[in-house]
C-alpha atoms as a PDB file:
ATOM      1  CA  MET A   1      93.813 139.450 125.069  1.00  0.00           C
ATOM      2  CA  SER A   2      94.722 136.351 123.056  1.00  0.00           C
ATOM      3  CA  ASN A   3      97.085 136.866 120.128  1.00  0.00           C
ATOM      4  CA  ILE A   4      94.483 134.882 118.138  1.00  0.00           C
ATOM      5  CA  GLN A   5      91.647 137.335 118.891  1.00  0.00           C
ATOM      6  CA  ASP A   6      90.312 139.056 115.746  1.00  0.00           C
ATOM      7  CA  LYS A   7      92.750 137.266 113.431  1.00  0.00           C
ATOM      8  CA  VAL A   8      91.092 136.331 110.129  1.00  0.00           C
ATOM      9  CA  VAL A   9      91.628 132.587 109.684  1.00  0.00           C
ATOM     10  CA  VAL A  10      90.636 130.497 106.643  1.00  0.00           C
ATOM     11  CA  ILE A  11      90.384 126.741 107.300  1.00  0.00           C
ATOM     12  CA  MET A  12      90.174 124.253 104.419  1.00  0.00           C
ATOM     13  CA  GLY A  13      88.927 120.776 105.345  1.00  0.00           C
ATOM     14  CA  ALA A  14      86.995 122.116 108.321  1.00  0.00           C
ATOM     15  CA  SER A  15      83.958 119.825 108.474  1.00  0.00           C
ATOM     16  CA  SER A  16      85.317 117.035 110.703  1.00  0.00           C
ATOM     17  CA  GLY A  17      88.289 115.787 112.706  1.00  0.00           C
ATOM     18  CA  ILE A  18      91.235 118.166 113.080  1.00  0.00           C
ATOM     19  CA  GLY A  19      89.563 120.911 111.014  1.00  0.00           C
ATOM     20  CA  GLU A  20      86.410 120.837 113.110  1.00  0.00           C
ATOM     21  CA  ALA A  21      88.354 120.781 116.401  1.00  0.00           C
ATOM     22  CA  THR A  22      90.541 123.685 115.227  1.00  0.00           C
ATOM     23  CA  THR A  23      87.474 125.673 114.188  1.00  0.00           C
ATOM     24  CA  LYS A  24      86.009 125.238 117.680  1.00  0.00           C
ATOM     25  CA  LYS A  25      89.312 126.082 119.401  1.00  0.00           C
ATOM     26  CA  LEU A  26      89.937 129.250 117.373  1.00  0.00           C
ATOM     27  CA  ALA A  27      86.312 130.349 117.724  1.00  0.00           C
ATOM     28  CA  GLN A  28      86.743 130.180 121.512  1.00  0.00           C
ATOM     29  CA  GLU A  29      89.880 132.318 121.149  1.00  0.00           C
ATOM     30  CA  GLY A  30      87.958 134.999 119.249  1.00  0.00           C
ATOM     31  CA  ALA A  31      89.249 134.475 115.697  1.00  0.00           C
ATOM     32  CA  LYS A  32      87.208 135.573 112.681  1.00  0.00           C
ATOM     33  CA  LEU A  33      86.770 132.371 110.721  1.00  0.00           C
ATOM     34  CA  VAL A  34      86.003 131.441 107.143  1.00  0.00           C
ATOM     35  CA  ILE A  35      85.695 127.659 106.931  1.00  0.00           C
ATOM     36  CA  ALA A  36      85.351 125.377 103.927  1.00  0.00           C
ATOM     37  CA  ALA A  37      84.883 121.701 103.075  1.00  0.00           C
ATOM     38  CA  ARG A  38      82.944 119.564 100.612  1.00  0.00           C
ATOM     39  CA  ARG A  39      80.049 118.663 102.944  1.00  0.00           C
ATOM     40  CA  GLU A  40      77.702 121.603 103.363  1.00  0.00           C
ATOM     41  CA  ASP A  41      75.520 119.861 105.963  1.00  0.00           C
ATOM     42  CA  ARG A  42      78.550 119.368 108.245  1.00  0.00           C
ATOM     43  CA  LEU A  43      79.620 122.993 107.825  1.00  0.00           C
ATOM     44  CA  LYS A  44      76.108 124.206 108.643  1.00  0.00           C
ATOM     45  CA  SER A  45      75.873 122.119 111.805  1.00  0.00           C
ATOM     46  CA  LEU A  46      79.311 123.348 112.886  1.00  0.00           C
ATOM     47  CA  VAL A  47      78.213 126.966 112.434  1.00  0.00           C
ATOM     48  CA  GLU A  48      75.013 126.270 114.381  1.00  0.00           C
ATOM     49  CA  SER A  49      76.974 124.649 117.228  1.00  0.00           C
ATOM     50  CA  LEU A  50      78.942 127.886 117.757  1.00  0.00           C
ATOM     51  CA  PRO A  51      76.271 130.606 117.866  1.00  0.00           C
ATOM     52  CA  ASN A  52      78.531 133.222 119.473  1.00  0.00           C
ATOM     53  CA  ALA A  53      81.421 132.808 117.033  1.00  0.00           C
ATOM     54  CA  GLU A  54      82.057 135.056 114.080  1.00  0.00           C
ATOM     55  CA  PHE A  55      82.413 133.036 110.926  1.00  0.00           C
ATOM     56  CA  SER A  56      81.232 132.214 107.429  1.00  0.00           C
ATOM     57  CA  TYR A  57      81.439 129.005 105.463  1.00  0.00           C
ATOM     58  CA  ALA A  58      81.714 127.993 101.819  1.00  0.00           C
ATOM     59  CA  VAL A  59      81.554 124.636 100.069  1.00  0.00           C
ATOM     60  CA  ALA A  60      84.860 123.889  98.351  1.00  0.00           C
ATOM     61  CA  ASP A  61      86.895 120.963  97.061  1.00  0.00           C
ATOM     62  CA  VAL A  62      90.616 121.715  97.487  1.00  0.00           C
ATOM     63  CA  ARG A  63      91.316 120.037  94.133  1.00  0.00           C
ATOM     64  CA  ASN A  64      89.472 122.894  92.428  1.00  0.00           C
ATOM     65  CA  LYS A  65      91.607 126.045  92.483  1.00  0.00           C
ATOM     66  CA  GLU A  66      88.653 128.276  91.566  1.00  0.00           C
ATOM     67  CA  GLU A  67      86.658 126.989  94.547  1.00  0.00           C
ATOM     68  CA  VAL A  68      89.636 127.512  96.871  1.00  0.00           C
ATOM     69  CA  GLN A  69      90.097 131.043  95.514  1.00  0.00           C
ATOM     70  CA  ALA A  70      86.398 131.743  96.129  1.00  0.00           C
ATOM     71  CA  VAL A  71      86.822 130.872  99.827  1.00  0.00           C
ATOM     72  CA  VAL A  72      89.728 133.302 100.160  1.00  0.00           C
ATOM     73  CA  ASP A  73      87.784 135.934  98.196  1.00  0.00           C
ATOM     74  CA  LEU A  74      84.920 135.529 100.694  1.00  0.00           C
ATOM     75  CA  ALA A  75      87.323 136.263 103.566  1.00  0.00           C
ATOM     76  CA  ILE A  76      88.626 139.374 101.784  1.00  0.00           C
ATOM     77  CA  GLU A  77      85.103 140.545 100.960  1.00  0.00           C
ATOM     78  CA  LYS A  78      84.046 140.153 104.573  1.00  0.00           C
ATOM     79  CA  TYR A  79      87.157 141.219 106.495  1.00  0.00           C
ATOM     80  CA  GLY A  80      89.535 142.869 104.020  1.00  0.00           C
ATOM     81  CA  ARG A  81      92.470 140.620 104.907  1.00  0.00           C
ATOM     82  CA  VAL A  82      93.621 137.056 105.591  1.00  0.00           C
ATOM     83  CA  ASP A  83      95.963 136.531 108.537  1.00  0.00           C
ATOM     84  CA  VAL A  84      96.103 132.732 108.503  1.00  0.00           C
ATOM     85  CA  LEU A  85      95.353 130.013 105.952  1.00  0.00           C
ATOM     86  CA  TYR A  86      95.161 126.465 107.325  1.00  0.00           C
ATOM     87  CA  ASN A  87      95.392 123.794 104.616  1.00  0.00           C
ATOM     88  CA  ASN A  88      93.991 120.790 106.449  1.00  0.00           C
ATOM     89  CA  ALA A  89      92.224 118.604 103.841  1.00  0.00           C
ATOM     90  CA  GLY A  90      93.835 115.207 103.203  1.00  0.00           C
ATOM     91  CA  VAL A  91      93.253 111.545 102.329  1.00  0.00           C
ATOM     92  CA  MET A  92      95.174 108.393 103.249  1.00  0.00           C
ATOM     93  CA  PRO A  93      94.325 105.319 101.159  1.00  0.00           C
ATOM     94  CA  THR A  94      97.067 102.842 102.094  1.00  0.00           C
ATOM     95  CA  ALA A  95      98.233  99.852 100.045  1.00  0.00           C
ATOM     96  CA  ALA A  96     101.427  98.252  98.750  1.00  0.00           C
ATOM     97  CA  LEU A  97     102.829  99.715  95.517  1.00  0.00           C
ATOM     98  CA  SER A  98     102.476  96.268  93.923  1.00  0.00           C
ATOM     99  CA  GLU A  99      98.684  96.660  94.064  1.00  0.00           C
ATOM    100  CA  LYS A 100      98.950  99.409  91.406  1.00  0.00           C
ATOM    101  CA  ARG A 101      96.108 101.529  92.758  1.00  0.00           C
ATOM    102  CA  PHE A 102      96.469 104.303  90.177  1.00  0.00           C
ATOM    103  CA  ASP A 103      93.205 106.055  91.088  1.00  0.00           C
ATOM    104  CA  GLU A 104      94.168 106.212  94.772  1.00  0.00           C
ATOM    105  CA  TRP A 105      97.612 107.556  93.888  1.00  0.00           C
ATOM    106  CA  ARG A 106      96.079 110.307  91.767  1.00  0.00           C
ATOM    107  CA  LEU A 107      93.592 111.194  94.510  1.00  0.00           C
ATOM    108  CA  MET A 108      96.388 111.563  97.074  1.00  0.00           C
ATOM    109  CA  LEU A 109      98.482 113.698  94.729  1.00  0.00           C
ATOM    110  CA  ASP A 110      95.494 115.913  93.879  1.00  0.00           C
ATOM    111  CA  ILE A 111      94.250 116.465  97.442  1.00  0.00           C
ATOM    112  CA  ASN A 112      97.361 116.175  99.606  1.00  0.00           C
ATOM    113  CA  ILE A 113      99.741 118.109  97.337  1.00  0.00           C
ATOM    114  CA  MET A 114      97.757 120.120  94.776  1.00  0.00           C
ATOM    115  CA  GLY A 115      95.195 121.029  97.465  1.00  0.00           C
ATOM    116  CA  VAL A 116      97.972 122.627  99.533  1.00  0.00           C
ATOM    117  CA  LEU A 117      99.407 124.399  96.479  1.00  0.00           C
ATOM    118  CA  ASN A 118      95.962 125.706  95.501  1.00  0.00           C
ATOM    119  CA  GLY A 119      95.606 127.166  98.994  1.00  0.00           C
ATOM    120  CA  ILE A 120      99.061 128.761  98.938  1.00  0.00           C
ATOM    121  CA  ALA A 121      98.451 130.261  95.490  1.00  0.00           C
ATOM    122  CA  SER A 122      95.130 131.765  96.562  1.00  0.00           C
ATOM    123  CA  VAL A 123      96.520 133.718  99.537  1.00  0.00           C
ATOM    124  CA  LEU A 124     100.093 134.577  98.594  1.00  0.00           C
ATOM    125  CA  PRO A 125      99.296 137.732  96.570  1.00  0.00           C
ATOM    126  CA  ILE A 126      97.144 139.001  99.469  1.00  0.00           C
ATOM    127  CA  MET A 127      99.726 138.233 102.143  1.00  0.00           C
ATOM    128  CA  LYS A 128     102.544 139.791 100.081  1.00  0.00           C
ATOM    129  CA  LYS A 129     100.464 142.953  99.736  1.00  0.00           C
ATOM    130  CA  GLN A 130      99.728 142.925 103.489  1.00  0.00           C
ATOM    131  CA  GLN A 131     103.404 142.206 104.221  1.00  0.00           C
ATOM    132  CA  SER A 132     102.204 139.666 106.770  1.00  0.00           C
ATOM    133  CA  GLY A 133     100.559 136.271 106.913  1.00  0.00           C
ATOM    134  CA  HIS A 134     100.794 132.714 108.170  1.00  0.00           C
ATOM    135  CA  ILE A 135     100.217 129.572 106.095  1.00  0.00           C
ATOM    136  CA  ILE A 136      99.785 126.284 107.958  1.00  0.00           C
ATOM    137  CA  ALA A 137      99.412 122.764 106.565  1.00  0.00           C
ATOM    138  CA  THR A 138      98.526 119.474 108.196  1.00  0.00           C
ATOM    139  CA  ASP A 139     101.449 117.232 107.358  1.00  0.00           C
ATOM    140  CA  SER A 140     102.017 113.936 109.204  1.00  0.00           C
ATOM    141  CA  ILE A 141     104.621 111.835 110.958  1.00  0.00           C
ATOM    142  CA  ALA A 142     104.462 110.136 107.526  1.00  0.00           C
ATOM    143  CA  GLY A 143     106.103 113.295 106.162  1.00  0.00           C
ATOM    144  CA  HIS A 144     109.187 112.477 108.253  1.00  0.00           C
ATOM    145  CA  VAL A 145     109.251 108.646 108.347  1.00  0.00           C
ATOM    146  CA  VAL A 146     108.499 106.125 105.565  1.00  0.00           C
ATOM    147  CA  TYR A 147     106.846 102.787 106.325  1.00  0.00           C
ATOM    148  CA  PRO A 148     105.496  99.863 104.246  1.00  0.00           C
ATOM    149  CA  GLY A 149     102.043 100.139 102.697  1.00  0.00           C
ATOM    150  CA  SER A 150     102.124 103.937 102.679  1.00  0.00           C
ATOM    151  CA  ALA A 151     104.861 104.809 100.174  1.00  0.00           C
ATOM    152  CA  VAL A 152     102.673 107.161  98.137  1.00  0.00           C
ATOM    153  CA  TYR A 153     100.966 108.726 101.165  1.00  0.00           C
ATOM    154  CA  CYS A 154     104.391 109.298 102.751  1.00  0.00           C
ATOM    155  CA  GLY A 155     105.573 110.725  99.431  1.00  0.00           C
ATOM    156  CA  THR A 156     102.758 113.284  99.414  1.00  0.00           C
ATOM    157  CA  LYS A 157     103.501 114.297 102.989  1.00  0.00           C
ATOM    158  CA  PHE A 158     107.259 114.584 102.339  1.00  0.00           C
ATOM    159  CA  ALA A 159     106.296 116.822  99.393  1.00  0.00           C
ATOM    160  CA  VAL A 160     104.177 119.071 101.632  1.00  0.00           C
ATOM    161  CA  ARG A 161     107.094 119.377 104.032  1.00  0.00           C
ATOM    162  CA  ALA A 162     109.416 120.424 101.182  1.00  0.00           C
ATOM    163  CA  ILE A 163     106.881 122.856  99.689  1.00  0.00           C
ATOM    164  CA  MET A 164     106.214 124.528 103.030  1.00  0.00           C
ATOM    165  CA  GLU A 165     109.953 124.927 103.745  1.00  0.00           C
ATOM    166  CA  GLY A 166     110.431 126.388 100.255  1.00  0.00           C
ATOM    167  CA  LEU A 167     107.553 128.775 100.979  1.00  0.00           C
ATOM    168  CA  ARG A 168     109.258 129.899 104.194  1.00  0.00           C
ATOM    169  CA  GLN A 169     112.517 130.621 102.396  1.00  0.00           C
ATOM    170  CA  GLU A 170     110.899 132.424  99.459  1.00  0.00           C
ATOM    171  CA  GLU A 171     108.548 134.619 101.475  1.00  0.00           C
ATOM    172  CA  ARG A 172     110.417 135.320 104.726  1.00  0.00           C
ATOM    173  CA  GLU A 173     111.314 138.867 103.613  1.00  0.00           C
ATOM    174  CA  ASN A 174     107.583 139.504 103.111  1.00  0.00           C
ATOM    175  CA  ASN A 175     106.963 138.547 106.748  1.00  0.00           C
ATOM    176  CA  ILE A 176     105.013 135.425 105.683  1.00  0.00           C
ATOM    177  CA  ARG A 177     105.431 132.454 108.009  1.00  0.00           C
ATOM    178  CA  SER A 178     104.873 128.775 107.262  1.00  0.00           C
ATOM    179  CA  THR A 179     104.152 125.942 109.694  1.00  0.00           C
ATOM    180  CA  ILE A 180     103.530 122.236 109.249  1.00  0.00           C
ATOM    181  CA  ILE A 181     101.665 120.307 111.934  1.00  0.00           C
ATOM    182  CA  SER A 182     102.757 116.645 111.816  1.00  0.00           C
ATOM    183  CA  PRO A 183     100.520 114.395 113.935  1.00  0.00           C
ATOM    184  CA  GLY A 184     100.772 110.678 114.441  1.00  0.00           C
ATOM    185  CA  LEU A 185      97.596 108.562 114.572  1.00  0.00           C
ATOM    186  CA  VAL A 186      94.542 110.753 115.283  1.00  0.00           C
ATOM    187  CA  ASP A 187      90.954 109.725 115.997  1.00  0.00           C
ATOM    188  CA  THR A 188      89.370 111.248 112.861  1.00  0.00           C
ATOM    189  CA  GLU A 189      87.438 110.070 109.807  1.00  0.00           C
ATOM    190  CA  LEU A 190      90.673 109.715 107.814  1.00  0.00           C
ATOM    191  CA  TYR A 191      90.336 105.915 108.150  1.00  0.00           C
ATOM    192  CA  THR A 192      87.284 106.117 105.830  1.00  0.00           C
ATOM    193  CA  THR A 193      89.653 106.975 102.942  1.00  0.00           C
ATOM    194  CA  VAL A 194      91.429 103.609 103.425  1.00  0.00           C
ATOM    195  CA  ASN A 195      89.905 100.996 101.115  1.00  0.00           C
ATOM    196  CA  ASP A 196      91.635  97.934 102.574  1.00  0.00           C
ATOM    197  CA  PRO A 197      89.099  96.598 105.138  1.00  0.00           C
ATOM    198  CA  VAL A 198      91.695  95.201 107.585  1.00  0.00           C
ATOM    199  CA  ASN A 199      93.728  98.423 107.651  1.00  0.00           C
ATOM    200  CA  ARG A 200      90.584 100.524 107.898  1.00  0.00           C
ATOM    201  CA  GLU A 201      89.257  98.662 110.948  1.00  0.00           C
ATOM    202  CA  TRP A 202      92.659  98.726 112.652  1.00  0.00           C
ATOM    203  CA  LEU A 203      92.951 102.497 112.220  1.00  0.00           C
ATOM    204  CA  LYS A 204      89.355 103.114 113.278  1.00  0.00           C
ATOM    205  CA  ASN A 205      89.600 101.059 116.477  1.00  0.00           C
ATOM    206  CA  ASN A 206      93.159 101.878 117.592  1.00  0.00           C
ATOM    207  CA  ALA A 207      92.847 105.638 117.071  1.00  0.00           C
ATOM    208  CA  LYS A 208      90.244 105.702 119.856  1.00  0.00           C
ATOM    209  CA  ILE A 209      92.632 104.238 122.467  1.00  0.00           C
ATOM    210  CA  PRO A 210      94.220 107.008 124.609  1.00  0.00           C
ATOM    211  CA  GLY A 211      97.973 107.056 124.086  1.00  0.00           C
ATOM    212  CA  VAL A 212      97.651 105.039 120.866  1.00  0.00           C
ATOM    213  CA  GLY A 213      95.668 107.721 119.035  1.00  0.00           C
ATOM    214  CA  LEU A 214      95.465 111.465 119.552  1.00  0.00           C
ATOM    215  CA  ASN A 215      92.261 113.407 120.066  1.00  0.00           C
ATOM    216  CA  PRO A 216      91.662 116.006 117.293  1.00  0.00           C
ATOM    217  CA  SER A 217      91.627 118.684 120.018  1.00  0.00           C
ATOM    218  CA  ASP A 218      95.267 117.798 120.834  1.00  0.00           C
ATOM    219  CA  VAL A 219      96.214 118.780 117.291  1.00  0.00           C
ATOM    220  CA  ALA A 220      93.966 121.868 117.387  1.00  0.00           C
ATOM    221  CA  ASP A 221      95.914 123.034 120.462  1.00  0.00           C
ATOM    222  CA  ALA A 222      99.157 122.772 118.459  1.00  0.00           C
ATOM    223  CA  VAL A 223      97.653 124.810 115.607  1.00  0.00           C
ATOM    224  CA  ALA A 224      96.450 127.456 118.066  1.00  0.00           C
ATOM    225  CA  TYR A 225      99.917 127.624 119.636  1.00  0.00           C
ATOM    226  CA  ALA A 226     101.561 128.229 116.233  1.00  0.00           C
ATOM    227  CA  ILE A 227      99.037 130.971 115.397  1.00  0.00           C
ATOM    228  CA  SER A 228      99.448 132.624 118.806  1.00  0.00           C
ATOM    229  CA  THR A 229     103.200 133.227 118.446  1.00  0.00           C
ATOM    230  CA  PRO A 230     104.444 136.757 117.639  1.00  0.00           C
ATOM    231  CA  GLU A 231     105.040 137.762 114.005  1.00  0.00           C
ATOM    232  CA  THR A 232     108.766 137.728 114.735  1.00  0.00           C
ATOM    233  CA  VAL A 233     108.656 133.989 115.495  1.00  0.00           C
ATOM    234  CA  ALA A 234     108.346 131.269 112.822  1.00  0.00           C
ATOM    235  CA  ILE A 235     107.352 127.828 114.106  1.00  0.00           C
ATOM    236  CA  SER A 236     108.437 125.706 111.138  1.00  0.00           C
ATOM    237  CA  GLU A 237     107.096 122.360 112.301  1.00  0.00           C
ATOM    238  CA  ILE A 238     105.344 120.711 115.205  1.00  0.00           C
ATOM    239  CA  MET A 239     105.499 116.918 115.489  1.00  0.00           C
ATOM    240  CA  ILE A 240     102.838 115.557 117.823  1.00  0.00           C
ATOM    241  CA  ARG A 241     102.640 111.827 118.538  1.00  0.00           C
ATOM    242  CA  PRO A 242     100.454 109.706 120.794  1.00  0.00           C
ATOM    243  CA  THR A 243     102.698 108.616 123.676  1.00  0.00           C
ATOM    244  CA  LYS A 244     102.661 104.935 122.674  1.00  0.00           C
ATOM    245  CA  GLN A 245     103.317 105.402 118.951  1.00  0.00           C
ATOM    246  CA  VAL A 246     106.360 103.509 117.648  1.00  0.00           C
ATOM    247  CA  ILE A 247     107.385 105.498 114.532  1.00  0.00           C
END
């Protein structure tokens, strides 16, 4: 039996890309899933595509802590526990700091950082009471390496890395594990959050080239591996690059 079987897993940002691929992967492994995202139509079609899986969905924006809490409450109502929370929602508008894109900066801070904190806050009391749990966040190679045009995005991902390590240290005695998954370029819809047309097209087209971009299922496999490890093992971070990526 898979170590994932019957685990109650909450996935935020589940409607496309890495979240969708992870939902499918964990459903195959027999997890009990509660998935959430902003687009209800995408969640519905995902549920319909997996008729034999056991899961529920809720519409939620990770910027809204009440909506995030409601997703976790749904998992508790249905299953009585939460074994894994996967904070996967994120945006990546890229531009030089000199362009002063204040609205984009705020959006990245609210989704990439506060979204993760809202998720952590919603499950920590439950996991402390259970004396077990696993919190995972999608970070990025940009959480380990800084490059031009992405200073703020990199800043948000460095912050997630620091927060998740702090979480590990604070909650290790409560048997709560933390993992960041740090992919390089992945063939997802993340390029749609980039407003610069040249950058957007480059990301969209290059992510589809094998070895230049990863498939979302490659990242889902890494998430599944982290979840499948014994409770006595803490996988702190997994960096997963396309073979041909430079940074």
